[in-house]
């Protein structure tokens, strides 16, 4: 006879509670961890100023991606940056008190598609609602982050910020030699001889390289066209160094007409108010009910986990540690998972 009291596997919630109890008994400090459930809607938080009018600050920090972000222990997740920015814009569109938007940017860029979508959504927002948008680089404003900033009416760069890196990159490594050394054979089955050109299992042929280069050239030309449209003084066609992927400090960016002003975040907010024709305004951010926002430098709701202050792992655009070897995760007897690959508007120091 089967015992009806047979133990059932512990749920993630039960595991979390058990772990919390153990840590508490051991005298360890506990850290609040979300325990799944649906993502709660955004709520407005005033972080500075006063008055009836509002300036919305949208945070664009870390890698620009359309991937959802995992929470600790895998308990639920957060919307992607693309989804979160869209949600903030939709909320702002319904608020008649929003007179201006400040994009607080500290990002090395990200995927081409995600950068393009965010820029498109901001431009569409401006077409539907009479507001002014100011972008402010508080650290990095490179590649895809600069691409997003071209949706703004004005761009402000902190004196210590880095901008530029107008270009496209597709990261591919070739681990064929390493695989041969450890006895791993490539037996990929494919429908066409170019289907696996980007996989790290073999080197690209010259024909494949030219095909990929053609896509990159197209995306690069699109980036240049976007910049030339809104920054005619930059003159990218005659000054090739502006679009060869190099970065510039704030003063160089101002001299090259890539930004409009060198200043700080509070100055960007004042500029947004001036453009909007208002003197007093509350600076607001949107946050989930569990978030905490106290001032204009508080973290945004969807701040990416990836650091922008140092080197980035090759797998950064998926916010996942790069498995061994170079995108191949060993799981069981030589089981391999493919790495994420994407065309990137990204500066990778």
Foldseek 3Di string as FASTA:
>chain_A
DDDPPDDDDDDPVRVVVVVVVVCVVVVHDDDDFDQADDFFAWDKDFADFDDQAEEEEAEAAEAQAQDWAATPPRRHTHGHPLVVLLSVLVVVLPDPRHAEYEYEYAYQFYFLVRLVSLLVSLLVSCVSDVHAYEYEDPAECEFSNLSSRLSGLFYEYAQAHKYAQQFKDWDAAACQVVCVVVVHDDDDDDPDPCPCQRFNNHHHDPVNVVVVVVVRVVSSVVSVVSQCVRQVQLCCVVVVVRRPRDMDGRVVCCVSSSGPYHDDPVVSVVVSCVVSVHDTHTYMYIEGPPDDHHHPPDDHRNHDPFDSPAFDAPLVNNVDHQAPPRQFHDDPDRHTDGGDIGMISGDGD
